[in-house]
PDB file of N, CA and C in Angstrom:
ATOM      1  N   UNK A   1     -13.165 -17.723 -63.979  1.00  0.00           N
ATOM      2  CA  UNK A   1     -14.668 -17.110 -63.588  1.00  0.00           C
ATOM      3  C   UNK A   1     -15.564 -17.270 -64.846  1.00  0.00           C
ATOM      4  N   UNK A   2     -16.644 -17.782 -64.578  1.00  0.00           N
ATOM      5  CA  UNK A   2     -17.659 -18.097 -65.711  1.00  0.00           C
ATOM      6  C   UNK A   2     -18.682 -17.197 -65.444  1.00  0.00           C
ATOM      7  N   UNK A   3     -19.294 -16.858 -66.727  1.00  0.00           N
ATOM      8  CA  UNK A   3     -20.501 -15.784 -66.773  1.00  0.00           C
ATOM      9  C   UNK A   3     -21.649 -16.584 -67.221  1.00  0.00           C
ATOM     10  N   UNK A   4     -22.789 -16.304 -66.584  1.00  0.00           N
ATOM     11  CA  UNK A   4     -23.989 -17.086 -67.164  1.00  0.00           C
ATOM     12  C   UNK A   4     -25.348 -16.097 -67.023  1.00  0.00           C
ATOM     13  N   UNK A   5     -26.154 -16.328 -67.874  1.00  0.00           N
ATOM     14  CA  UNK A   5     -27.149 -15.252 -67.891  1.00  0.00           C
ATOM     15  C   UNK A   5     -28.287 -15.782 -66.685  1.00  0.00           C
ATOM     16  N   UNK A   6     -29.233 -15.048 -66.401  1.00  0.00           N
ATOM     17  CA  UNK A   6     -30.166 -15.468 -65.322  1.00  0.00           C
ATOM     18  C   UNK A   6     -31.031 -16.766 -65.594  1.00  0.00           C
ATOM     19  N   UNK A   7     -31.486 -16.840 -66.889  1.00  0.00           N
ATOM     20  CA  UNK A   7     -32.179 -18.038 -67.313  1.00  0.00           C
ATOM     21  C   UNK A   7     -31.307 -19.242 -67.091  1.00  0.00           C
ATOM     22  N   UNK A   8     -30.025 -19.258 -67.517  1.00  0.00           N
ATOM     23  CA  UNK A   8     -29.330 -20.513 -67.208  1.00  0.00           C
ATOM     24  C   UNK A   8     -28.987 -20.592 -65.984  1.00  0.00           C
ATOM     25  N   UNK A   9     -28.693 -19.599 -64.958  1.00  0.00           N
ATOM     26  CA  UNK A   9     -28.535 -19.770 -63.494  1.00  0.00           C
ATOM     27  C   UNK A   9     -29.755 -20.436 -62.807  1.00  0.00           C
ATOM     28  N   UNK A  10     -30.811 -19.999 -63.413  1.00  0.00           N
ATOM     29  CA  UNK A  10     -32.005 -20.540 -62.712  1.00  0.00           C
ATOM     30  C   UNK A  10     -32.223 -22.276 -62.991  1.00  0.00           C
ATOM     31  N   UNK A  11     -31.837 -22.418 -64.175  1.00  0.00           N
ATOM     32  CA  UNK A  11     -31.879 -23.934 -64.763  1.00  0.00           C
ATOM     33  C   UNK A  11     -31.006 -24.677 -64.139  1.00  0.00           C
ATOM     34  N   UNK A  12     -29.853 -24.299 -63.817  1.00  0.00           N
ATOM     35  CA  UNK A  12     -28.479 -24.990 -63.450  1.00  0.00           C
ATOM     36  C   UNK A  12     -28.075 -24.417 -62.194  1.00  0.00           C
ATOM     37  N   UNK A  13     -28.793 -24.089 -61.214  1.00  0.00           N
ATOM     38  CA  UNK A  13     -28.399 -23.298 -60.040  1.00  0.00           C
ATOM     39  C   UNK A  13     -27.754 -24.246 -59.157  1.00  0.00           C
ATOM     40  N   UNK A  14     -28.187 -25.565 -58.863  1.00  0.00           N
ATOM     41  CA  UNK A  14     -27.586 -26.444 -58.088  1.00  0.00           C
ATOM     42  C   UNK A  14     -26.258 -26.874 -58.405  1.00  0.00           C
ATOM     43  N   UNK A  15     -25.975 -26.845 -59.548  1.00  0.00           N
ATOM     44  CA  UNK A  15     -24.508 -26.952 -60.232  1.00  0.00           C
ATOM     45  C   UNK A  15     -23.730 -25.871 -60.230  1.00  0.00           C
ATOM     46  N   UNK A  16     -24.299 -24.669 -60.086  1.00  0.00           N
ATOM     47  CA  UNK A  16     -23.569 -23.585 -60.058  1.00  0.00           C
ATOM     48  C   UNK A  16     -23.137 -23.328 -58.719  1.00  0.00           C
ATOM     49  N   UNK A  17     -24.021 -23.711 -57.791  1.00  0.00           N
ATOM     50  CA  UNK A  17     -23.696 -23.758 -56.249  1.00  0.00           C
ATOM     51  C   UNK A  17     -22.736 -24.629 -55.672  1.00  0.00           C
ATOM     52  N   UNK A  18     -22.662 -25.896 -56.443  1.00  0.00           N
ATOM     53  CA  UNK A  18     -21.608 -26.836 -56.275  1.00  0.00           C
ATOM     54  C   UNK A  18     -20.114 -26.308 -56.819  1.00  0.00           C
ATOM     55  N   UNK A  19     -20.285 -25.578 -57.971  1.00  0.00           N
ATOM     56  CA  UNK A  19     -19.003 -24.979 -58.636  1.00  0.00           C
ATOM     57  C   UNK A  19     -18.533 -23.861 -57.566  1.00  0.00           C
ATOM     58  N   UNK A  20     -19.316 -22.943 -56.929  1.00  0.00           N
ATOM     59  CA  UNK A  20     -19.085 -22.082 -55.962  1.00  0.00           C
ATOM     60  C   UNK A  20     -18.399 -22.650 -54.880  1.00  0.00           C
ATOM     61  N   UNK A  21     -18.983 -23.650 -54.539  1.00  0.00           N
ATOM     62  CA  UNK A  21     -18.513 -24.428 -53.242  1.00  0.00           C
ATOM     63  C   UNK A  21     -17.145 -25.066 -53.421  1.00  0.00           C
ATOM     64  N   UNK A  22     -16.900 -25.268 -54.609  1.00  0.00           N
ATOM     65  CA  UNK A  22     -15.430 -25.963 -55.118  1.00  0.00           C
ATOM     66  C   UNK A  22     -14.382 -24.720 -55.225  1.00  0.00           C
ATOM     67  N   UNK A  23     -15.014 -23.412 -55.048  1.00  0.00           N
ATOM     68  CA  UNK A  23     -13.735 -22.521 -55.119  1.00  0.00           C
ATOM     69  C   UNK A  23     -14.164 -21.377 -56.467  1.00  0.00           C
ATOM     70  N   UNK A  24     -15.004 -21.874 -57.267  1.00  0.00           N
ATOM     71  CA  UNK A  24     -15.102 -21.059 -58.362  1.00  0.00           C
ATOM     72  C   UNK A  24     -15.899 -19.795 -58.314  1.00  0.00           C
ATOM     73  N   UNK A  25     -15.662 -18.560 -58.864  1.00  0.00           N
ATOM     74  CA  UNK A  25     -16.502 -17.659 -58.747  1.00  0.00           C
ATOM     75  C   UNK A  25     -17.301 -17.543 -60.246  1.00  0.00           C
ATOM     76  N   UNK A  26     -18.885 -17.388 -59.971  1.00  0.00           N
ATOM     77  CA  UNK A  26     -19.659 -17.163 -61.123  1.00  0.00           C
ATOM     78  C   UNK A  26     -20.248 -15.823 -61.100  1.00  0.00           C
ATOM     79  N   UNK A  27     -20.343 -15.271 -62.508  1.00  0.00           N
ATOM     80  CA  UNK A  27     -20.897 -14.119 -62.474  1.00  0.00           C
ATOM     81  C   UNK A  27     -22.212 -14.283 -63.033  1.00  0.00           C
ATOM     82  N   UNK A  28     -23.504 -13.757 -62.439  1.00  0.00           N
ATOM     83  CA  UNK A  28     -24.785 -13.851 -63.130  1.00  0.00           C
ATOM     84  C   UNK A  28     -25.044 -12.619 -63.952  1.00  0.00           C
ATOM     85  N   UNK A  29     -25.426 -12.655 -65.162  1.00  0.00           N
ATOM     86  CA  UNK A  29     -25.677 -11.484 -65.988  1.00  0.00           C
ATOM     87  C   UNK A  29     -27.171 -11.251 -66.353  1.00  0.00           C
ATOM     88  N   UNK A  30     -27.576 -10.053 -66.249  1.00  0.00           N
ATOM     89  CA  UNK A  30     -29.104  -9.829 -66.730  1.00  0.00           C
ATOM     90  C   UNK A  30     -28.747  -8.915 -68.124  1.00  0.00           C
ATOM     91  N   UNK A  31     -29.424  -9.407 -69.120  1.00  0.00           N
ATOM     92  CA  UNK A  31     -29.287  -8.632 -70.404  1.00  0.00           C
ATOM     93  C   UNK A  31     -27.723  -8.372 -70.849  1.00  0.00           C
ATOM     94  N   UNK A  32     -26.908  -9.372 -70.525  1.00  0.00           N
ATOM     95  CA  UNK A  32     -25.716  -9.270 -70.804  1.00  0.00           C
ATOM     96  C   UNK A  32     -24.720  -8.394 -69.843  1.00  0.00           C
ATOM     97  N   UNK A  33     -25.547  -7.766 -68.887  1.00  0.00           N
ATOM     98  CA  UNK A  33     -24.625  -7.010 -67.876  1.00  0.00           C
ATOM     99  C   UNK A  33     -24.462  -7.791 -66.922  1.00  0.00           C
ATOM    100  N   UNK A  34     -23.008  -7.509 -66.004  1.00  0.00           N
ATOM    101  CA  UNK A  34     -22.976  -8.436 -64.805  1.00  0.00           C
ATOM    102  C   UNK A  34     -24.224  -7.832 -63.730  1.00  0.00           C
ATOM    103  N   UNK A  35     -24.773  -8.705 -63.113  1.00  0.00           N
ATOM    104  CA  UNK A  35     -25.596  -8.290 -62.032  1.00  0.00           C
ATOM    105  C   UNK A  35     -25.458  -8.718 -60.670  1.00  0.00           C
ATOM    106  N   UNK A  36     -24.787  -9.908 -60.614  1.00  0.00           N
ATOM    107  CA  UNK A  36     -24.355 -10.578 -59.055  1.00  0.00           C
ATOM    108  C   UNK A  36     -23.199 -11.459 -59.318  1.00  0.00           C
ATOM    109  N   UNK A  37     -22.615 -11.907 -58.341  1.00  0.00           N
ATOM    110  CA  UNK A  37     -21.482 -12.821 -58.179  1.00  0.00           C
ATOM    111  C   UNK A  37     -21.842 -13.905 -57.163  1.00  0.00           C
ATOM    112  N   UNK A  38     -21.757 -15.231 -57.689  1.00  0.00           N
ATOM    113  CA  UNK A  38     -21.834 -16.327 -56.599  1.00  0.00           C
ATOM    114  C   UNK A  38     -20.365 -16.716 -56.317  1.00  0.00           C
ATOM    115  N   UNK A  39     -20.155 -16.642 -55.214  1.00  0.00           N
ATOM    116  CA  UNK A  39     -18.818 -17.059 -54.686  1.00  0.00           C
ATOM    117  C   UNK A  39     -18.820 -17.633 -53.416  1.00  0.00           C
ATOM    118  N   UNK A  40     -17.561 -18.729 -53.246  1.00  0.00           N
ATOM    119  CA  UNK A  40     -17.623 -19.548 -52.161  1.00  0.00           C
ATOM    120  C   UNK A  40     -17.576 -18.836 -50.733  1.00  0.00           C
ATOM    121  N   UNK A  41     -18.188 -19.546 -49.763  1.00  0.00           N
ATOM    122  CA  UNK A  41     -17.925 -18.861 -48.477  1.00  0.00           C
ATOM    123  C   UNK A  41     -16.461 -19.127 -47.824  1.00  0.00           C
ATOM    124  N   UNK A  42     -15.919 -18.160 -47.337  1.00  0.00           N
ATOM    125  CA  UNK A  42     -14.497 -18.426 -46.730  1.00  0.00           C
ATOM    126  C   UNK A  42     -14.838 -18.442 -45.252  1.00  0.00           C
ATOM    127  N   UNK A  43     -14.439 -19.411 -44.516  1.00  0.00           N
ATOM    128  CA  UNK A  43     -14.507 -19.695 -43.298  1.00  0.00           C
ATOM    129  C   UNK A  43     -12.975 -19.243 -42.643  1.00  0.00           C
ATOM    130  N   UNK A  44     -13.128 -18.498 -41.628  1.00  0.00           N
ATOM    131  CA  UNK A  44     -11.794 -18.180 -40.933  1.00  0.00           C
ATOM    132  C   UNK A  44     -11.598 -19.196 -39.785  1.00  0.00           C
ATOM    133  N   UNK A  45     -10.674 -19.783 -40.177  1.00  0.00           N
ATOM    134  CA  UNK A  45     -10.153 -21.185 -39.313  1.00  0.00           C
ATOM    135  C   UNK A  45      -9.086 -20.857 -38.404  1.00  0.00           C
ATOM    136  N   UNK A  46      -8.774 -19.371 -38.234  1.00  0.00           N
ATOM    137  CA  UNK A  46      -7.718 -19.253 -37.363  1.00  0.00           C
ATOM    138  C   UNK A  46      -8.149 -19.293 -35.923  1.00  0.00           C
ATOM    139  N   UNK A  47      -7.467 -19.951 -34.909  1.00  0.00           N
ATOM    140  CA  UNK A  47      -8.203 -19.983 -33.483  1.00  0.00           C
ATOM    141  C   UNK A  47      -8.338 -18.567 -32.862  1.00  0.00           C
ATOM    142  N   UNK A  48      -9.308 -18.506 -31.950  1.00  0.00           N
ATOM    143  CA  UNK A  48      -9.575 -17.257 -31.324  1.00  0.00           C
ATOM    144  C   UNK A  48      -8.438 -17.140 -30.106  1.00  0.00           C
ATOM    145  N   UNK A  49      -8.127 -15.590 -29.944  1.00  0.00           N
ATOM    146  CA  UNK A  49      -7.127 -15.427 -29.038  1.00  0.00           C
ATOM    147  C   UNK A  49      -7.962 -14.715 -27.826  1.00  0.00           C
ATOM    148  N   UNK A  50      -8.351 -15.558 -26.732  1.00  0.00           N
ATOM    149  CA  UNK A  50      -9.053 -14.777 -25.649  1.00  0.00           C
ATOM    150  C   UNK A  50      -8.032 -13.830 -24.857  1.00  0.00           C
ATOM    151  N   UNK A  51      -8.732 -12.777 -24.709  1.00  0.00           N
ATOM    152  CA  UNK A  51      -7.899 -11.728 -23.821  1.00  0.00           C
ATOM    153  C   UNK A  51      -6.979 -10.774 -24.669  1.00  0.00           C
ATOM    154  N   UNK A  52      -7.359 -10.851 -25.886  1.00  0.00           N
ATOM    155  CA  UNK A  52      -6.605  -9.886 -26.880  1.00  0.00           C
ATOM    156  C   UNK A  52      -6.699  -8.380 -26.706  1.00  0.00           C
ATOM    157  N   UNK A  53      -7.772  -8.021 -26.053  1.00  0.00           N
ATOM    158  CA  UNK A  53      -8.022  -6.695 -25.843  1.00  0.00           C
ATOM    159  C   UNK A  53      -7.939  -6.152 -24.405  1.00  0.00           C
ATOM    160  N   UNK A  54      -7.226  -7.189 -23.428  1.00  0.00           N
ATOM    161  CA  UNK A  54      -6.870  -6.809 -21.763  1.00  0.00           C
ATOM    162  C   UNK A  54      -6.114  -5.747 -21.912  1.00  0.00           C
ATOM    163  N   UNK A  55      -6.666  -4.816 -21.085  1.00  0.00           N
ATOM    164  CA  UNK A  55      -5.888  -3.858 -20.825  1.00  0.00           C
ATOM    165  C   UNK A  55      -6.043  -2.381 -21.824  1.00  0.00           C
ATOM    166  N   UNK A  56      -6.958  -2.803 -22.768  1.00  0.00           N
ATOM    167  CA  UNK A  56      -7.122  -1.844 -23.871  1.00  0.00           C
ATOM    168  C   UNK A  56      -8.600  -1.200 -23.665  1.00  0.00           C
ATOM    169  N   UNK A  57      -9.481  -1.976 -22.987  1.00  0.00           N
ATOM    170  CA  UNK A  57     -10.757  -1.362 -22.894  1.00  0.00           C
ATOM    171  C   UNK A  57     -11.144  -1.287 -21.465  1.00  0.00           C
ATOM    172  N   UNK A  58     -11.671  -0.039 -21.298  1.00  0.00           N
ATOM    173  CA  UNK A  58     -11.739   0.349 -19.717  1.00  0.00           C
ATOM    174  C   UNK A  58     -13.525   0.566 -19.740  1.00  0.00           C
ATOM    175  N   UNK A  59     -14.077   0.159 -18.706  1.00  0.00           N
ATOM    176  CA  UNK A  59     -15.768   0.212 -18.414  1.00  0.00           C
ATOM    177  C   UNK A  59     -15.769   1.093 -17.049  1.00  0.00           C
ATOM    178  N   UNK A  60     -16.569   1.884 -17.343  1.00  0.00           N
ATOM    179  CA  UNK A  60     -16.677   2.999 -16.071  1.00  0.00           C
ATOM    180  C   UNK A  60     -17.161   2.336 -14.919  1.00  0.00           C
ATOM    181  N   UNK A  61     -16.862   2.742 -13.809  1.00  0.00           N
ATOM    182  CA  UNK A  61     -17.217   2.113 -12.679  1.00  0.00           C
ATOM    183  C   UNK A  61     -18.721   2.327 -12.446  1.00  0.00           C
ATOM    184  N   UNK A  62     -19.453   3.399 -12.975  1.00  0.00           N
ATOM    185  CA  UNK A  62     -20.605   3.638 -12.899  1.00  0.00           C
ATOM    186  C   UNK A  62     -21.372   3.218 -14.354  1.00  0.00           C
ATOM    187  N   UNK A  63     -21.037   2.152 -15.010  1.00  0.00           N
ATOM    188  CA  UNK A  63     -21.427   1.655 -16.036  1.00  0.00           C
ATOM    189  C   UNK A  63     -22.960   1.326 -16.166  1.00  0.00           C
ATOM    190  N   UNK A  64     -23.311   0.412 -15.091  1.00  0.00           N
ATOM    191  CA  UNK A  64     -24.712  -0.031 -15.129  1.00  0.00           C
ATOM    192  C   UNK A  64     -25.540   0.677 -13.879  1.00  0.00           C
ATOM    193  N   UNK A  65     -25.196   2.131 -13.862  1.00  0.00           N
ATOM    194  CA  UNK A  65     -25.732   2.781 -12.751  1.00  0.00           C
ATOM    195  C   UNK A  65     -27.147   3.360 -13.600  1.00  0.00           C
ATOM    196  N   UNK A  66     -28.258   3.718 -12.866  1.00  0.00           N
ATOM    197  CA  UNK A  66     -29.299   4.202 -13.330  1.00  0.00           C
ATOM    198  C   UNK A  66     -29.324   5.674 -14.174  1.00  0.00           C
ATOM    199  N   UNK A  67     -29.887   5.598 -15.195  1.00  0.00           N
ATOM    200  CA  UNK A  67     -29.758   7.081 -16.008  1.00  0.00           C
ATOM    201  C   UNK A  67     -30.324   8.131 -15.284  1.00  0.00           C
ATOM    202  N   UNK A  68     -30.204   9.421 -15.548  1.00  0.00           N
ATOM    203  CA  UNK A  68     -30.748  10.481 -14.992  1.00  0.00           C
ATOM    204  C   UNK A  68     -32.216  10.497 -15.361  1.00  0.00           C
ATOM    205  N   UNK A  69     -32.973  11.109 -14.678  1.00  0.00           N
ATOM    206  CA  UNK A  69     -34.318  11.054 -14.817  1.00  0.00           C
ATOM    207  C   UNK A  69     -34.736  12.084 -16.221  1.00  0.00           C
ATOM    208  N   UNK A  70     -33.930  12.967 -16.659  1.00  0.00           N
ATOM    209  CA  UNK A  70     -34.208  13.732 -17.644  1.00  0.00           C
ATOM    210  C   UNK A  70     -33.800  13.078 -19.068  1.00  0.00           C
ATOM    211  N   UNK A  71     -32.825  12.194 -18.957  1.00  0.00           N
ATOM    212  CA  UNK A  71     -32.392  11.321 -20.115  1.00  0.00           C
ATOM    213  C   UNK A  71     -33.509  10.256 -20.390  1.00  0.00           C
ATOM    214  N   UNK A  72     -34.090   9.704 -19.159  1.00  0.00           N
ATOM    215  CA  UNK A  72     -35.118   8.766 -19.397  1.00  0.00           C
ATOM    216  C   UNK A  72     -36.201   9.279 -20.103  1.00  0.00           C
ATOM    217  N   UNK A  73     -36.541  10.548 -19.691  1.00  0.00           N
ATOM    218  CA  UNK A  73     -37.792  11.415 -20.258  1.00  0.00           C
ATOM    219  C   UNK A  73     -37.584  11.523 -21.553  1.00  0.00           C
ATOM    220  N   UNK A  74     -36.363  11.861 -22.109  1.00  0.00           N
ATOM    221  CA  UNK A  74     -36.055  12.055 -23.444  1.00  0.00           C
ATOM    222  C   UNK A  74     -36.141  10.931 -24.247  1.00  0.00           C
ATOM    223  N   UNK A  75     -35.942   9.730 -23.739  1.00  0.00           N
ATOM    224  CA  UNK A  75     -35.927   8.411 -24.352  1.00  0.00           C
ATOM    225  C   UNK A  75     -37.326   8.028 -24.645  1.00  0.00           C
ATOM    226  N   UNK A  76     -38.146   8.491 -23.710  1.00  0.00           N
ATOM    227  CA  UNK A  76     -39.651   8.182 -23.608  1.00  0.00           C
ATOM    228  C   UNK A  76     -40.406   9.228 -24.318  1.00  0.00           C
ATOM    229  N   UNK A  77     -39.850  10.169 -24.697  1.00  0.00           N
ATOM    230  CA  UNK A  77     -40.454  11.083 -25.638  1.00  0.00           C
ATOM    231  C   UNK A  77     -41.413  12.103 -24.671  1.00  0.00           C
ATOM    232  N   UNK A  78     -41.033  12.208 -23.239  1.00  0.00           N
ATOM    233  CA  UNK A  78     -41.454  13.130 -22.314  1.00  0.00           C
ATOM    234  C   UNK A  78     -41.085  14.377 -22.269  1.00  0.00           C
TER     235      UNK A  78
END
């Protein structure tokens, strides 16, 4: 892990981004104190499993029924 000050980070930003994309973590310091971390993006490459929640989620039969008038009035500030 490398630490650079803000001025050097601005000057060499493109190089630092390339290093982070290659897996390196870079600490950016302000007045010698760590202020931010530049890290690579980790992509989740695992395949999605469709139907993973089947049987675990229940949607009420009246899910899309109109709301009661008093509740609509409360949302509208009446």
